[in-house]
Amino acid sequence: MESNESKSGKTFFPSGAIAFFILLLLLYALIWFTLYWIMIVRS
């Protein structure tokens, strides 16, 4: 009972999932800016 109460009292925070999502956003931004830069250079 005591361990169950302490687990329910602690709020779950998906730090790993949030870090993975931020990493995907950074990767997407890097690809987008690379393509954007290539189009600027070609024009």
Protein backbone atom coordinates (compact mmCIF):
# COMPACT_ATOMS: atom_id res chain seq x y z
CA MET A 1 0.00 0.00 0.00
CA GLU A 2 2.71 2.50 0.92
CA SER A 3 4.74 1.96 -2.25
CA ASN A 4 1.60 2.26 -4.37
CA GLU A 5 0.69 5.57 -2.75
CA SER A 6 4.16 6.98 -3.29
CA LYS A 7 4.09 5.97 -6.96
CA SER A 8 0.69 7.58 -7.56
CA GLY A 9 1.82 10.72 -5.72
CA LYS A 10 4.82 11.14 -8.02
CA THR A 11 3.82 12.62 -11.37
CA PHE A 12 5.18 10.82 -14.42
CA PHE A 13 7.27 13.00 -16.72
CA PRO A 14 8.36 11.41 -20.05
CA SER A 15 11.73 13.14 -20.27
CA GLY A 16 13.10 10.57 -22.72
CA ALA A 17 10.21 10.99 -25.15
CA ILE A 18 10.44 14.78 -24.95
CA ALA A 19 14.20 14.68 -25.58
CA PHE A 20 13.63 12.39 -28.58
CA PHE A 21 10.96 14.74 -29.95
CA ILE A 22 13.27 17.76 -29.59
CA LEU A 23 16.04 15.81 -31.31
CA LEU A 24 13.73 15.01 -34.23
CA LEU A 25 12.72 18.67 -34.50
CA LEU A 26 16.37 19.75 -34.57
CA LEU A 27 17.16 17.17 -37.25
CA TYR A 28 14.17 18.32 -39.31
CA ALA A 29 15.24 21.97 -38.96
CA LEU A 30 18.79 21.10 -40.02
CA ILE A 31 17.56 19.32 -43.16
CA TRP A 32 15.16 22.18 -43.95
CA PHE A 33 17.81 24.90 -43.59
CA THR A 34 20.26 22.85 -45.66
CA LEU A 35 17.78 22.55 -48.51
CA TYR A 36 16.84 26.22 -48.14
CA TRP A 37 20.52 27.24 -48.34
CA ILE A 38 21.05 25.06 -51.42
CA MET A 39 18.09 26.73 -53.16
CA ILE A 40 19.42 30.21 -52.28
CA VAL A 41 22.88 29.35 -53.61
CA ARG A 42 21.49 27.97 -56.89
CA SER A 43 19.30 31.00 -57.61
